[in-house]
Structure formats: structure tokens, C-alpha cells
């Protein structure tokens, strides 16, 4: 059974995952006042609270854990976009290497189920045991417009999600969504059809954004419109691996749902089980396709 939503004590219609470090009452961004560690509510600031280790705690609100947390239970950090910046940097670094080395580098890392490679004088692909392609293809781009669009989307979607989920949970959504996109491409695309790009992971972040906005009772129309437009573009434009987009969207949405709807008393367990189940599903899809191609 899902626990009751936690809302700001001054704005009951606003859900939040952040609490005052003094009294532990939930507070929304409008009510957060920066302290030496975490945030305090306006009443504690007006009451002359000196910090989390001194001063008076309002009656009836004992302090249990002074560490401020996100809505998913992650720790608040000084730089809420650090993981997003690292992911963008990694994608750009791989792109520059691909530009320098050329097709030889791309053909060794892109996602392909099973294909004949004349340079290797034999079959290559995931079905041939090159499992790393499911991961490396997520960070691989060729055209400038492709990586530019994906990295702008990552910056726009990733920063707010990282701040809302916390670094570890956000990274889990990104990687599992990317793997989900790779797995569905491997399952449904032609065995010799290569694909690459971070789009599967990006679609996973888009699905996670929708889940988070629904959880916080925000207006869903902007994100729904964005999702519909992206899906139209996915199926109407030739040369796009729609399987990666759909796979990433499904997995990212499912993982994010487990992250933000996990009951507080069993939050860590539910979140880990959600990630584990998604990973097992991805492994099952990859195994099934491999048996089809090699059996």
C-alpha cells in the first residue's frame, strides 16, 4: 500500500521530499531557507534557530534525521547537475574520438545484433558475445546534429531530474533506460541493422519527468505534448531506431515510478527491487534474441 503523500506544511497542495533540518516539517522550494547544512523553514528561522545542533526545536516535531532528502530519498547536493555534466562530457568525448578515428571505431562500438564484418573476416555483434555493444552504443554518435539534439535534451531533462531524484537514482534511470532501448532494438530490429545514440536514455528521462510531474501534481500538459511530438517524430522520420526510443521510454517510466512511489518505510528496498526487475527483464530480452539468432 502506498504511503500518504507528504506536502508542505505551509502549502498543503504542494508535495515535497524536503524537510526542515530543525523541525523536520516538510517544506516546498518556496519555503526553503538555506542554512549551513540543508534548509530551514521560515518559523525556525524566525525563532532564532542557530543550526541543526543548537537552539530550540518546536514542540511536537522531534528531529530524527537532519539530512535533507529529495522526494525519492536521495541526498541534496551542492551541484544538482554533476552527473548530467559528466554524462554530457562522456558523450562528447566519445564523439570526438569517433570523429578522429572514423568508421573503424564506430563499427566496433555500435549496436548490431549479428552482421558480417569484412575487416574482422567474420560475424560480429551482440549475438556473437559482444555484449558491450548494448552499453557503448548509448554513448556513440556520428552526426553533429544528432549529438547536439541529444545533449541539449539531456541538459534540459537531466538537471531537474537529478535534483529531484538524487545522483544515484538518476543515474540508475538513465543507464537502465539506455539499456532498455538497446535491448528492444536488439530484439526487434533486423539483425544486421546497426544503431547508435543516447536517444533511448533520453526518452527514459522524458518518461521519468512525466512520472515525477504526476507525482507532484504539476500540470501534465507540457510534458505530454512534448512526449507526443517526440513519438510522432520517431515514427514519421526515416532512419530513426524507434525501438530504442520506445524501449527507453518504457523502462525509464517504470524505474522512475518505483523511485518516487516507493513507500517511505521500505523505500530503498522497493527502489532496488524495481531496478533489479528491470535489469532482469532486459537480460531476458537479450537472452531470448540471442537464442533466436544463434540457436
C-alpha atoms as a PDB file:
ATOM      1  CA  UNK A   1       0.000   0.000   0.000  1.00  0.00           C
ATOM      2  CA  UNK A   2       1.387   3.400  -0.970  1.00  0.00           C
ATOM      3  CA  UNK A   3       2.135   5.824   1.854  1.00  0.00           C
ATOM      4  CA  UNK A   4       0.327   9.147   2.084  1.00  0.00           C
ATOM      5  CA  UNK A   5       1.770  11.971   0.048  1.00  0.00           C
ATOM      6  CA  UNK A   6       3.969  14.385   2.001  1.00  0.00           C
ATOM      7  CA  UNK A   7       3.042  18.024   1.438  1.00  0.00           C
ATOM      8  CA  UNK A   8       4.493  21.330   2.548  1.00  0.00           C
ATOM      9  CA  UNK A   9       3.083  22.310   5.952  1.00  0.00           C
ATOM     10  CA  UNK A  10       2.570  25.883   4.728  1.00  0.00           C
ATOM     11  CA  UNK A  11       1.267  24.935   1.272  1.00  0.00           C
ATOM     12  CA  UNK A  12      -0.765  21.704   1.675  1.00  0.00           C
ATOM     13  CA  UNK A  13      -1.309  21.308  -2.083  1.00  0.00           C
ATOM     14  CA  UNK A  14       2.412  21.057  -2.848  1.00  0.00           C
ATOM     15  CA  UNK A  15       4.106  17.689  -2.468  1.00  0.00           C
ATOM     16  CA  UNK A  16       7.731  17.709  -1.435  1.00  0.00           C
ATOM     17  CA  UNK A  17      10.559  15.443  -0.394  1.00  0.00           C
ATOM     18  CA  UNK A  18      12.481  18.083   1.551  1.00  0.00           C
ATOM     19  CA  UNK A  19      12.197  18.687   5.290  1.00  0.00           C
ATOM     20  CA  UNK A  20      13.393  21.427   7.625  1.00  0.00           C
ATOM     21  CA  UNK A  21      16.635  20.346   9.300  1.00  0.00           C
ATOM     22  CA  UNK A  22      15.385  21.828  12.598  1.00  0.00           C
ATOM     23  CA  UNK A  23      11.828  20.613  12.997  1.00  0.00           C
ATOM     24  CA  UNK A  24      11.595  18.083  10.139  1.00  0.00           C
ATOM     25  CA  UNK A  25       8.344  19.514   8.859  1.00  0.00           C
ATOM     26  CA  UNK A  26       8.069  19.133   5.066  1.00  0.00           C
ATOM     27  CA  UNK A  27       8.733  22.321   3.117  1.00  0.00           C
ATOM     28  CA  UNK A  28       8.414  23.221  -0.561  1.00  0.00           C
ATOM     29  CA  UNK A  29      11.022  25.191  -2.543  1.00  0.00           C
ATOM     30  CA  UNK A  30       9.237  28.483  -1.807  1.00  0.00           C
ATOM     31  CA  UNK A  31       9.567  27.898   1.947  1.00  0.00           C
ATOM     32  CA  UNK A  32      13.155  26.611   1.935  1.00  0.00           C
ATOM     33  CA  UNK A  33      15.697  28.923   3.539  1.00  0.00           C
ATOM     34  CA  UNK A  34      19.327  27.905   3.119  1.00  0.00           C
ATOM     35  CA  UNK A  35      21.165  27.019   6.318  1.00  0.00           C
ATOM     36  CA  UNK A  36      24.736  25.919   6.983  1.00  0.00           C
ATOM     37  CA  UNK A  37      23.529  22.350   6.399  1.00  0.00           C
ATOM     38  CA  UNK A  38      20.378  21.819   4.386  1.00  0.00           C
ATOM     39  CA  UNK A  39      17.335  24.055   4.641  1.00  0.00           C
ATOM     40  CA  UNK A  40      15.173  25.511   7.406  1.00  0.00           C
ATOM     41  CA  UNK A  41      11.528  26.524   7.434  1.00  0.00           C
ATOM     42  CA  UNK A  42      10.519  30.159   7.952  1.00  0.00           C
ATOM     43  CA  UNK A  43       9.258  29.542  11.505  1.00  0.00           C
ATOM     44  CA  UNK A  44      12.549  28.020  12.647  1.00  0.00           C
ATOM     45  CA  UNK A  45      14.472  30.904  11.096  1.00  0.00           C
ATOM     46  CA  UNK A  46      12.215  33.455  12.800  1.00  0.00           C
ATOM     47  CA  UNK A  47      12.544  31.542  16.058  1.00  0.00           C
ATOM     48  CA  UNK A  48      16.277  32.145  16.049  1.00  0.00           C
ATOM     49  CA  UNK A  49      17.432  28.623  15.235  1.00  0.00           C
ATOM     50  CA  UNK A  50      21.224  28.558  15.138  1.00  0.00           C
ATOM     51  CA  UNK A  51      21.743  25.304  13.207  1.00  0.00           C
ATOM     52  CA  UNK A  52      20.914  21.652  13.353  1.00  0.00           C
ATOM     53  CA  UNK A  53      22.801  21.065  16.631  1.00  0.00           C
ATOM     54  CA  UNK A  54      21.613  24.001  18.706  1.00  0.00           C
ATOM     55  CA  UNK A  55      18.566  26.126  19.515  1.00  0.00           C
ATOM     56  CA  UNK A  56      15.010  25.078  20.214  1.00  0.00           C
ATOM     57  CA  UNK A  57      13.076  22.505  18.214  1.00  0.00           C
ATOM     58  CA  UNK A  58       9.337  23.310  18.026  1.00  0.00           C
ATOM     59  CA  UNK A  59       7.267  21.152  20.362  1.00  0.00           C
ATOM     60  CA  UNK A  60       5.822  18.040  18.786  1.00  0.00           C
ATOM     61  CA  UNK A  61       8.392  17.871  15.977  1.00  0.00           C
ATOM     62  CA  UNK A  62      11.395  15.849  17.208  1.00  0.00           C
ATOM     63  CA  UNK A  63      14.436  15.694  14.954  1.00  0.00           C
ATOM     64  CA  UNK A  64      15.157  12.196  13.676  1.00  0.00           C
ATOM     65  CA  UNK A  65      17.472  12.703  10.726  1.00  0.00           C
ATOM     66  CA  UNK A  66      18.721  16.191   9.908  1.00  0.00           C
ATOM     67  CA  UNK A  67      19.865  15.330   6.412  1.00  0.00           C
ATOM     68  CA  UNK A  68      17.605  16.901   3.781  1.00  0.00           C
ATOM     69  CA  UNK A  69      16.313  14.443   1.186  1.00  0.00           C
ATOM     70  CA  UNK A  70      14.747  14.579  -2.255  1.00  0.00           C
ATOM     71  CA  UNK A  71      11.296  13.205  -2.968  1.00  0.00           C
ATOM     72  CA  UNK A  72      12.907   9.873  -3.902  1.00  0.00           C
ATOM     73  CA  UNK A  73      15.077   9.771  -0.775  1.00  0.00           C
ATOM     74  CA  UNK A  74      18.316  10.972  -2.361  1.00  0.00           C
ATOM     75  CA  UNK A  75      20.658  13.381  -0.628  1.00  0.00           C
ATOM     76  CA  UNK A  76      20.619  17.028  -1.665  1.00  0.00           C
ATOM     77  CA  UNK A  77      23.925  18.136  -3.157  1.00  0.00           C
ATOM     78  CA  UNK A  78      25.704  21.408  -3.801  1.00  0.00           C
ATOM     79  CA  UNK A  79      25.774  20.740  -7.570  1.00  0.00           C
ATOM     80  CA  UNK A  80      22.496  19.048  -8.601  1.00  0.00           C
ATOM     81  CA  UNK A  81      23.681  18.708 -12.214  1.00  0.00           C
ATOM     82  CA  UNK A  82      27.023  16.996 -11.645  1.00  0.00           C
ATOM     83  CA  UNK A  83      26.049  13.579 -13.072  1.00  0.00           C
ATOM     84  CA  UNK A  84      24.332  15.257 -16.017  1.00  0.00           C
ATOM     85  CA  UNK A  85      27.500  17.210 -16.768  1.00  0.00           C
ATOM     86  CA  UNK A  86      29.598  14.038 -16.566  1.00  0.00           C
ATOM     87  CA  UNK A  87      27.242  12.184 -18.921  1.00  0.00           C
ATOM     88  CA  UNK A  88      27.327  15.027 -21.424  1.00  0.00           C
ATOM     89  CA  UNK A  89      31.110  15.171 -21.181  1.00  0.00           C
ATOM     90  CA  UNK A  90      31.386  11.418 -21.738  1.00  0.00           C
ATOM     91  CA  UNK A  91      29.129  11.545 -24.801  1.00  0.00           C
ATOM     92  CA  UNK A  92      31.107  14.451 -26.253  1.00  0.00           C
ATOM     93  CA  UNK A  93      34.425  12.720 -25.583  1.00  0.00           C
ATOM     94  CA  UNK A  94      33.302   9.564 -27.396  1.00  0.00           C
ATOM     95  CA  UNK A  95      32.005  11.699 -30.289  1.00  0.00           C
ATOM     96  CA  UNK A  96      35.351  13.461 -30.701  1.00  0.00           C
ATOM     97  CA  UNK A  97      37.156  10.105 -30.658  1.00  0.00           C
ATOM     98  CA  UNK A  98      34.745   8.814 -33.318  1.00  0.00           C
ATOM     99  CA  UNK A  99      35.484  11.885 -35.451  1.00  0.00           C
ATOM    100  CA  UNK A 100      39.218  11.306 -35.096  1.00  0.00           C
ATOM    101  CA  UNK A 101      39.275   7.546 -35.752  1.00  0.00           C
ATOM    102  CA  UNK A 102      36.299   7.200 -38.077  1.00  0.00           C
ATOM    103  CA  UNK A 103      34.144   4.237 -39.098  1.00  0.00           C
ATOM    104  CA  UNK A 104      36.516   1.672 -37.637  1.00  0.00           C
ATOM    105  CA  UNK A 105      35.805   2.991 -34.143  1.00  0.00           C
ATOM    106  CA  UNK A 106      32.051   3.381 -34.735  1.00  0.00           C
ATOM    107  CA  UNK A 107      31.655  -0.102 -36.219  1.00  0.00           C
ATOM    108  CA  UNK A 108      33.359  -1.616 -33.186  1.00  0.00           C
ATOM    109  CA  UNK A 109      31.005   0.034 -30.685  1.00  0.00           C
ATOM    110  CA  UNK A 110      27.599   0.485 -32.346  1.00  0.00           C
ATOM    111  CA  UNK A 111      24.640  -1.765 -31.654  1.00  0.00           C
ATOM    112  CA  UNK A 112      24.258  -4.596 -34.134  1.00  0.00           C
ATOM    113  CA  UNK A 113      22.711  -7.987 -33.500  1.00  0.00           C
ATOM    114  CA  UNK A 114      24.726 -10.072 -35.906  1.00  0.00           C
ATOM    115  CA  UNK A 115      26.462  -8.991 -39.095  1.00  0.00           C
ATOM    116  CA  UNK A 116      29.397  -9.913 -41.287  1.00  0.00           C
ATOM    117  CA  UNK A 117      32.339  -7.563 -40.915  1.00  0.00           C
ATOM    118  CA  UNK A 118      34.870  -7.862 -43.753  1.00  0.00           C
ATOM    119  CA  UNK A 119      37.554  -6.139 -41.679  1.00  0.00           C
ATOM    120  CA  UNK A 120      37.138  -8.782 -38.987  1.00  0.00           C
ATOM    121  CA  UNK A 121      36.697 -11.556 -41.547  1.00  0.00           C
ATOM    122  CA  UNK A 122      33.712 -12.942 -39.686  1.00  0.00           C
ATOM    123  CA  UNK A 123      30.492 -12.263 -37.815  1.00  0.00           C
ATOM    124  CA  UNK A 124      30.317  -9.515 -35.204  1.00  0.00           C
ATOM    125  CA  UNK A 125      27.541  -8.313 -32.904  1.00  0.00           C
ATOM    126  CA  UNK A 126      25.779  -8.888 -29.621  1.00  0.00           C
ATOM    127  CA  UNK A 127      24.781 -12.404 -30.624  1.00  0.00           C
ATOM    128  CA  UNK A 128      28.475 -13.184 -31.091  1.00  0.00           C
ATOM    129  CA  UNK A 129      29.176 -12.371 -27.449  1.00  0.00           C
ATOM    130  CA  UNK A 130      29.932  -8.656 -27.846  1.00  0.00           C
ATOM    131  CA  UNK A 131      27.570  -7.649 -25.034  1.00  0.00           C
ATOM    132  CA  UNK A 132      29.395  -4.375 -24.511  1.00  0.00           C
ATOM    133  CA  UNK A 133      27.666  -3.000 -27.623  1.00  0.00           C
ATOM    134  CA  UNK A 134      24.431  -2.680 -25.639  1.00  0.00           C
ATOM    135  CA  UNK A 135      26.206  -0.075 -23.471  1.00  0.00           C
ATOM    136  CA  UNK A 136      28.717   1.568 -25.788  1.00  0.00           C
ATOM    137  CA  UNK A 137      26.048   2.338 -28.401  1.00  0.00           C
ATOM    138  CA  UNK A 138      24.335   4.541 -25.782  1.00  0.00           C
ATOM    139  CA  UNK A 139      27.289   6.957 -25.816  1.00  0.00           C
ATOM    140  CA  UNK A 140      28.087   6.839 -29.524  1.00  0.00           C
ATOM    141  CA  UNK A 141      27.106   9.453 -32.117  1.00  0.00           C
ATOM    142  CA  UNK A 142      28.248  10.373 -35.620  1.00  0.00           C
ATOM    143  CA  UNK A 143      26.393  13.418 -36.968  1.00  0.00           C
ATOM    144  CA  UNK A 144      26.795  16.778 -35.235  1.00  0.00           C
ATOM    145  CA  UNK A 145      23.050  17.455 -35.239  1.00  0.00           C
ATOM    146  CA  UNK A 146      22.406  14.073 -33.598  1.00  0.00           C
ATOM    147  CA  UNK A 147      24.656  14.620 -30.598  1.00  0.00           C
ATOM    148  CA  UNK A 148      23.642  18.294 -30.345  1.00  0.00           C
ATOM    149  CA  UNK A 149      19.943  17.419 -30.086  1.00  0.00           C
ATOM    150  CA  UNK A 150      20.550  14.608 -27.616  1.00  0.00           C
ATOM    151  CA  UNK A 151      22.858  16.614 -25.369  1.00  0.00           C
ATOM    152  CA  UNK A 152      20.517  19.617 -25.305  1.00  0.00           C
ATOM    153  CA  UNK A 153      17.701  17.261 -24.334  1.00  0.00           C
ATOM    154  CA  UNK A 154      19.895  15.647 -21.684  1.00  0.00           C
ATOM    155  CA  UNK A 155      20.736  19.038 -20.192  1.00  0.00           C
ATOM    156  CA  UNK A 156      17.130  20.189 -20.227  1.00  0.00           C
ATOM    157  CA  UNK A 157      15.610  16.991 -18.800  1.00  0.00           C
ATOM    158  CA  UNK A 158      18.520  15.669 -16.774  1.00  0.00           C
ATOM    159  CA  UNK A 159      19.241  18.598 -14.484  1.00  0.00           C
ATOM    160  CA  UNK A 160      15.780  18.833 -12.867  1.00  0.00           C
ATOM    161  CA  UNK A 161      15.518  15.039 -12.638  1.00  0.00           C
ATOM    162  CA  UNK A 162      18.915  14.706 -10.993  1.00  0.00           C
ATOM    163  CA  UNK A 163      17.949  17.352  -8.445  1.00  0.00           C
ATOM    164  CA  UNK A 164      14.619  15.621  -7.764  1.00  0.00           C
ATOM    165  CA  UNK A 165      15.822  12.015  -7.580  1.00  0.00           C
ATOM    166  CA  UNK A 166      19.380  12.326  -6.308  1.00  0.00           C
ATOM    167  CA  UNK A 167      22.528  11.323  -8.151  1.00  0.00           C
ATOM    168  CA  UNK A 168      22.477   7.536  -7.753  1.00  0.00           C
ATOM    169  CA  UNK A 169      18.785   7.140  -8.552  1.00  0.00           C
ATOM    170  CA  UNK A 170      19.007   9.476 -11.518  1.00  0.00           C
ATOM    171  CA  UNK A 171      21.986   7.570 -12.924  1.00  0.00           C
ATOM    172  CA  UNK A 172      20.090   4.298 -12.473  1.00  0.00           C
ATOM    173  CA  UNK A 173      17.159   5.665 -14.502  1.00  0.00           C
ATOM    174  CA  UNK A 174      19.480   6.877 -17.258  1.00  0.00           C
ATOM    175  CA  UNK A 175      21.506   3.685 -17.605  1.00  0.00           C
ATOM    176  CA  UNK A 176      18.577   1.283 -17.329  1.00  0.00           C
ATOM    177  CA  UNK A 177      16.560   3.293 -19.845  1.00  0.00           C
ATOM    178  CA  UNK A 178      19.502   3.255 -22.232  1.00  0.00           C
ATOM    179  CA  UNK A 179      19.906  -0.491 -21.810  1.00  0.00           C
ATOM    180  CA  UNK A 180      16.169  -0.966 -22.279  1.00  0.00           C
ATOM    181  CA  UNK A 181      16.358   0.891 -25.569  1.00  0.00           C
ATOM    182  CA  UNK A 182      19.323  -1.203 -26.695  1.00  0.00           C
ATOM    183  CA  UNK A 183      17.586  -4.434 -25.689  1.00  0.00           C
ATOM    184  CA  UNK A 184      14.388  -3.672 -27.606  1.00  0.00           C
ATOM    185  CA  UNK A 185      16.401  -2.636 -30.674  1.00  0.00           C
ATOM    186  CA  UNK A 186      18.332  -5.882 -30.456  1.00  0.00           C
ATOM    187  CA  UNK A 187      15.078  -7.839 -30.196  1.00  0.00           C
ATOM    188  CA  UNK A 188      13.031  -6.177 -32.943  1.00  0.00           C
ATOM    189  CA  UNK A 189      15.416  -4.604 -35.433  1.00  0.00           C
ATOM    190  CA  UNK A 190      16.975  -6.510 -38.309  1.00  0.00           C
ATOM    191  CA  UNK A 191      19.941  -8.489 -37.060  1.00  0.00           C
ATOM    192  CA  UNK A 192      22.387  -6.675 -39.335  1.00  0.00           C
ATOM    193  CA  UNK A 193      20.933  -3.182 -38.726  1.00  0.00           C
ATOM    194  CA  UNK A 194      23.408  -1.014 -36.783  1.00  0.00           C
ATOM    195  CA  UNK A 195      22.167   1.735 -34.471  1.00  0.00           C
ATOM    196  CA  UNK A 196      23.675   4.179 -32.013  1.00  0.00           C
ATOM    197  CA  UNK A 197      22.881   7.212 -29.868  1.00  0.00           C
ATOM    198  CA  UNK A 198      21.693   8.269 -26.425  1.00  0.00           C
ATOM    199  CA  UNK A 199      18.081   8.641 -27.560  1.00  0.00           C
ATOM    200  CA  UNK A 200      16.857   5.597 -25.629  1.00  0.00           C
ATOM    201  CA  UNK A 201      18.188   7.030 -22.384  1.00  0.00           C
ATOM    202  CA  UNK A 202      16.797  10.485 -23.261  1.00  0.00           C
ATOM    203  CA  UNK A 203      13.334   9.032 -23.832  1.00  0.00           C
ATOM    204  CA  UNK A 204      13.675   7.289 -20.477  1.00  0.00           C
ATOM    205  CA  UNK A 205      14.320  10.658 -18.838  1.00  0.00           C
ATOM    206  CA  UNK A 206      11.269  12.060 -20.613  1.00  0.00           C
ATOM    207  CA  UNK A 207       9.122   9.273 -19.194  1.00  0.00           C
ATOM    208  CA  UNK A 208      10.652   9.802 -15.759  1.00  0.00           C
ATOM    209  CA  UNK A 209       9.838  13.521 -15.984  1.00  0.00           C
ATOM    210  CA  UNK A 210       6.194  12.686 -16.670  1.00  0.00           C
ATOM    211  CA  UNK A 211       6.105  10.350 -13.661  1.00  0.00           C
ATOM    212  CA  UNK A 212       7.672  12.972 -11.398  1.00  0.00           C
ATOM    213  CA  UNK A 213       5.340  15.749 -12.545  1.00  0.00           C
ATOM    214  CA  UNK A 214       2.329  13.496 -11.970  1.00  0.00           C
ATOM    215  CA  UNK A 215       3.610  12.617  -8.503  1.00  0.00           C
ATOM    216  CA  UNK A 216       3.983  16.312  -7.636  1.00  0.00           C
ATOM    217  CA  UNK A 217       0.568  17.186  -9.102  1.00  0.00           C
ATOM    218  CA  UNK A 218       2.073  19.555 -11.664  1.00  0.00           C
ATOM    219  CA  UNK A 219       0.401  20.482 -14.937  1.00  0.00           C
ATOM    220  CA  UNK A 220       0.952  17.476 -17.198  1.00  0.00           C
ATOM    221  CA  UNK A 221       0.033  19.139 -20.485  1.00  0.00           C
ATOM    222  CA  UNK A 222       3.520  20.433 -21.403  1.00  0.00           C
ATOM    223  CA  UNK A 223       5.291  17.112 -20.872  1.00  0.00           C
ATOM    224  CA  UNK A 224       2.514  15.144 -22.584  1.00  0.00           C
ATOM    225  CA  UNK A 225       2.678  17.467 -25.591  1.00  0.00           C
ATOM    226  CA  UNK A 226       6.464  17.067 -25.719  1.00  0.00           C
ATOM    227  CA  UNK A 227       6.173  13.290 -25.488  1.00  0.00           C
ATOM    228  CA  UNK A 228       3.559  13.117 -28.255  1.00  0.00           C
ATOM    229  CA  UNK A 229       5.648  15.322 -30.548  1.00  0.00           C
ATOM    230  CA  UNK A 230       8.727  13.199 -29.976  1.00  0.00           C
ATOM    231  CA  UNK A 231       6.821   9.983 -30.671  1.00  0.00           C
ATOM    232  CA  UNK A 232       5.385  11.455 -33.875  1.00  0.00           C
ATOM    233  CA  UNK A 233       8.880  12.459 -34.933  1.00  0.00           C
ATOM    234  CA  UNK A 234      10.159   8.984 -34.016  1.00  0.00           C
ATOM    235  CA  UNK A 235       7.721   7.116 -36.263  1.00  0.00           C
ATOM    236  CA  UNK A 236       7.401   9.680 -39.058  1.00  0.00           C
ATOM    237  CA  UNK A 237      11.096  10.304 -39.718  1.00  0.00           C
ATOM    238  CA  UNK A 238      13.040   7.657 -41.599  1.00  0.00           C
ATOM    239  CA  UNK A 239      16.305   6.355 -40.254  1.00  0.00           C
ATOM    240  CA  UNK A 240      15.313   6.554 -36.571  1.00  0.00           C
ATOM    241  CA  UNK A 241      15.576   3.455 -34.365  1.00  0.00           C
ATOM    242  CA  UNK A 242      12.066   3.673 -32.893  1.00  0.00           C
ATOM    243  CA  UNK A 243      12.728   0.518 -30.909  1.00  0.00           C
ATOM    244  CA  UNK A 244      15.357   2.317 -28.824  1.00  0.00           C
ATOM    245  CA  UNK A 245      13.012   5.228 -28.153  1.00  0.00           C
ATOM    246  CA  UNK A 246      10.115   3.005 -27.087  1.00  0.00           C
ATOM    247  CA  UNK A 247      12.295   0.676 -25.027  1.00  0.00           C
ATOM    248  CA  UNK A 248      13.957   3.557 -23.218  1.00  0.00           C
ATOM    249  CA  UNK A 249      10.623   5.262 -22.578  1.00  0.00           C
ATOM    250  CA  UNK A 250       9.044   2.134 -21.075  1.00  0.00           C
ATOM    251  CA  UNK A 251      11.978   1.270 -18.842  1.00  0.00           C
ATOM    252  CA  UNK A 252      12.646   4.839 -17.725  1.00  0.00           C
ATOM    253  CA  UNK A 253       8.991   5.338 -16.824  1.00  0.00           C
ATOM    254  CA  UNK A 254       8.825   2.079 -14.875  1.00  0.00           C
ATOM    255  CA  UNK A 255      12.025   2.731 -12.928  1.00  0.00           C
ATOM    256  CA  UNK A 256      11.025   6.306 -12.102  1.00  0.00           C
ATOM    257  CA  UNK A 257       7.607   5.136 -10.901  1.00  0.00           C
ATOM    258  CA  UNK A 258       9.282   2.765  -8.474  1.00  0.00           C
ATOM    259  CA  UNK A 259      11.621   5.542  -7.350  1.00  0.00           C
ATOM    260  CA  UNK A 260       9.031   8.177  -6.464  1.00  0.00           C
ATOM    261  CA  UNK A 261       6.133   5.976  -5.371  1.00  0.00           C
ATOM    262  CA  UNK A 262       8.073   3.647  -3.071  1.00  0.00           C
ATOM    263  CA  UNK A 263       6.641   3.638   0.487  1.00  0.00           C
ATOM    264  CA  UNK A 264       8.914   5.662   2.737  1.00  0.00           C
ATOM    265  CA  UNK A 265       9.447   2.889   5.294  1.00  0.00           C
ATOM    266  CA  UNK A 266      10.569   0.468   2.546  1.00  0.00           C
ATOM    267  CA  UNK A 267      11.865   2.998   0.057  1.00  0.00           C
ATOM    268  CA  UNK A 268      15.360   1.621  -0.505  1.00  0.00           C
ATOM    269  CA  UNK A 269      14.134  -1.970  -0.833  1.00  0.00           C
ATOM    270  CA  UNK A 270      11.381  -1.121  -3.335  1.00  0.00           C
ATOM    271  CA  UNK A 271      13.705   1.054  -5.407  1.00  0.00           C
ATOM    272  CA  UNK A 272      16.380  -1.628  -5.566  1.00  0.00           C
ATOM    273  CA  UNK A 273      13.843  -4.305  -6.456  1.00  0.00           C
ATOM    274  CA  UNK A 274      12.431  -2.100  -9.212  1.00  0.00           C
ATOM    275  CA  UNK A 275      15.881  -1.631 -10.732  1.00  0.00           C
ATOM    276  CA  UNK A 276      16.683  -5.327 -10.352  1.00  0.00           C
ATOM    277  CA  UNK A 277      13.438  -6.390 -12.045  1.00  0.00           C
ATOM    278  CA  UNK A 278      14.029  -4.037 -14.959  1.00  0.00           C
ATOM    279  CA  UNK A 279      17.581  -5.309 -15.331  1.00  0.00           C
ATOM    280  CA  UNK A 280      16.357  -8.921 -15.279  1.00  0.00           C
ATOM    281  CA  UNK A 281      13.769  -8.100 -17.937  1.00  0.00           C
ATOM    282  CA  UNK A 282      16.484  -6.560 -20.117  1.00  0.00           C
ATOM    283  CA  UNK A 283      18.711  -9.605 -19.655  1.00  0.00           C
ATOM    284  CA  UNK A 284      15.783 -11.890 -20.547  1.00  0.00           C
ATOM    285  CA  UNK A 285      15.093  -9.976 -23.772  1.00  0.00           C
ATOM    286  CA  UNK A 286      18.766 -10.099 -24.770  1.00  0.00           C
ATOM    287  CA  UNK A 287      18.965 -13.812 -23.993  1.00  0.00           C
ATOM    288  CA  UNK A 288      15.801 -14.545 -25.987  1.00  0.00           C
ATOM    289  CA  UNK A 289      17.073 -12.708 -29.055  1.00  0.00           C
ATOM    290  CA  UNK A 290      20.469 -14.332 -28.817  1.00  0.00           C
ATOM    291  CA  UNK A 291      18.853 -17.795 -28.782  1.00  0.00           C
ATOM    292  CA  UNK A 292      16.809 -16.817 -31.848  1.00  0.00           C
ATOM    293  CA  UNK A 293      19.891 -15.731 -33.771  1.00  0.00           C
ATOM    294  CA  UNK A 294      22.263 -18.488 -32.752  1.00  0.00           C
ATOM    295  CA  UNK A 295      20.001 -21.417 -31.928  1.00  0.00           C
END
